[in-house]
């Protein structure tokens, strides 16, 4: 039990950053170990000028969560991403999924 307490103290809070997606300011989870960027399908309503495209336009992919559970995708969108304190933006493809609504995502949606 004592080892678990020591380990838990090494794990910090989520790394939330202020950023902008297509000019919409928001907080986002910055996961530096992620191999893909995922956008909950409910966020697509924030970007009415952007349509969800079929994934097979860019690649045949299969993505799994850290537990090995497959994550289904509705498609992808390309959004301009920038960190709020900079003027430069980068076009980033985000995989869109209705299955990735974690508690953190729900909290972020409620805070907007």
Protein backbone atom coordinates (compact mmCIF):
# COMPACT_ATOMS: atom_id res chain seq x y z
CA UNK A 1 0.00 0.00 0.00
CA UNK A 2 2.81 2.41 0.82
CA UNK A 3 4.32 1.92 -2.67
CA UNK A 4 1.03 2.97 -4.30
CA UNK A 5 0.96 6.19 -2.30
CA UNK A 6 4.49 7.01 -3.43
CA UNK A 7 3.63 6.26 -7.06
CA UNK A 8 0.43 8.31 -6.97
CA UNK A 9 2.37 11.37 -5.83
CA UNK A 10 4.50 11.15 -9.00
CA UNK A 11 1.45 11.48 -11.24
CA UNK A 12 0.38 15.07 -11.81
CA UNK A 13 -2.79 16.76 -12.94
CA UNK A 14 -3.93 16.70 -16.57
CA UNK A 15 -1.93 19.02 -18.78
CA UNK A 16 -4.60 21.46 -19.99
CA UNK A 17 -3.55 24.26 -22.30
CA UNK A 18 -5.24 27.36 -23.66
CA UNK A 19 -5.40 26.97 -27.41
CA UNK A 20 -7.41 27.88 -30.46
CA UNK A 21 -9.03 25.58 -33.03
CA UNK A 22 -10.14 27.42 -36.17
CA UNK A 23 -10.15 30.63 -34.11
CA UNK A 24 -12.30 29.19 -31.30
CA UNK A 25 -10.50 29.58 -27.98
CA UNK A 26 -10.72 26.62 -25.61
CA UNK A 27 -8.84 24.48 -23.14
CA UNK A 28 -7.51 21.18 -24.44
CA UNK A 29 -5.79 18.16 -22.98
CA UNK A 30 -2.19 18.25 -24.21
CA UNK A 31 -1.13 14.60 -24.49
CA UNK A 32 2.46 14.65 -25.67
CA UNK A 33 2.55 10.86 -25.91
CA UNK A 34 -0.45 10.54 -28.21
CA UNK A 35 0.12 9.34 -31.76
CA UNK A 36 -3.14 10.87 -33.03
CA UNK A 37 -5.34 13.82 -32.15
CA UNK A 38 -8.93 12.90 -31.34
CA UNK A 39 -11.91 15.24 -31.40
CA UNK A 40 -15.24 14.21 -29.84
CA UNK A 41 -17.97 14.32 -32.50
CA UNK A 42 -19.92 16.77 -30.33
CA UNK A 43 -17.16 19.37 -30.91
CA UNK A 44 -17.77 19.41 -34.67
CA UNK A 45 -20.75 21.72 -34.11
CA UNK A 46 -18.22 24.39 -33.03
CA UNK A 47 -16.84 24.36 -36.58
CA UNK A 48 -19.84 24.53 -38.96
CA UNK A 49 -17.56 25.46 -41.87
CA UNK A 50 -15.71 22.16 -41.51
CA UNK A 51 -17.13 18.84 -42.66
CA UNK A 52 -16.17 15.40 -41.39
CA UNK A 53 -14.37 13.53 -44.16
CA UNK A 54 -14.02 9.74 -44.53
CA UNK A 55 -10.87 8.39 -42.91
CA UNK A 56 -10.00 6.27 -45.92
CA UNK A 57 -9.15 9.52 -47.76
CA UNK A 58 -5.95 9.76 -45.70
CA UNK A 59 -5.11 6.22 -44.55
CA UNK A 60 -6.35 2.87 -43.42
CA UNK A 61 -5.93 3.04 -39.67
CA UNK A 62 -6.91 1.15 -36.58
CA UNK A 63 -6.59 2.98 -33.28
CA UNK A 64 -6.78 1.40 -29.84
CA UNK A 65 -6.97 2.96 -26.40
CA UNK A 66 -4.26 2.42 -23.80
CA UNK A 67 -6.25 -0.59 -22.59
CA UNK A 68 -6.31 -2.10 -26.09
CA UNK A 69 -9.97 -1.34 -26.77
CA UNK A 70 -10.58 -0.35 -30.41
CA UNK A 71 -11.73 3.26 -30.86
CA UNK A 72 -14.28 3.66 -33.68
CA UNK A 73 -14.10 6.81 -35.80
CA UNK A 74 -16.69 8.75 -37.76
CA UNK A 75 -14.02 10.34 -39.96
CA UNK A 76 -11.58 13.22 -39.67
CA UNK A 77 -11.47 17.01 -39.82
CA UNK A 78 -8.60 19.39 -40.52
CA UNK A 79 -8.47 22.28 -38.06
CA UNK A 80 -6.08 25.17 -37.58
CA UNK A 81 -4.47 24.71 -34.18
CA UNK A 82 -2.55 27.35 -32.29
CA UNK A 83 -1.46 27.89 -28.74
CA UNK A 84 -3.15 31.06 -27.53
CA UNK A 85 0.06 32.93 -26.85
CA UNK A 86 1.39 32.58 -30.40
CA UNK A 87 0.19 33.94 -33.74
CA UNK A 88 1.31 30.93 -35.79
CA UNK A 89 -1.11 28.11 -36.50
CA UNK A 90 -0.70 24.59 -37.79
CA UNK A 91 -3.28 22.60 -39.76
CA UNK A 92 -3.85 19.38 -37.83
CA UNK A 93 -5.97 16.37 -38.84
CA UNK A 94 -8.20 15.29 -35.93
CA UNK A 95 -9.88 11.90 -35.91
CA UNK A 96 -13.56 12.37 -34.98
CA UNK A 97 -15.16 9.87 -32.64
CA UNK A 98 -18.46 9.72 -30.79
CA UNK A 99 -16.92 7.04 -28.56
CA UNK A 100 -14.18 9.09 -26.88
CA UNK A 101 -16.23 11.14 -24.40
CA UNK A 102 -14.24 10.87 -21.20
CA UNK A 103 -15.10 12.68 -18.00
CA UNK A 104 -12.41 15.26 -18.80
CA UNK A 105 -14.01 15.96 -22.18
CA UNK A 106 -17.45 16.38 -20.57
CA UNK A 107 -15.98 18.84 -18.06
CA UNK A 108 -14.33 20.83 -20.85
CA UNK A 109 -17.58 20.97 -22.84
CA UNK A 110 -19.43 22.20 -19.72
CA UNK A 111 -16.82 24.94 -19.15
CA UNK A 112 -17.20 26.46 -22.65
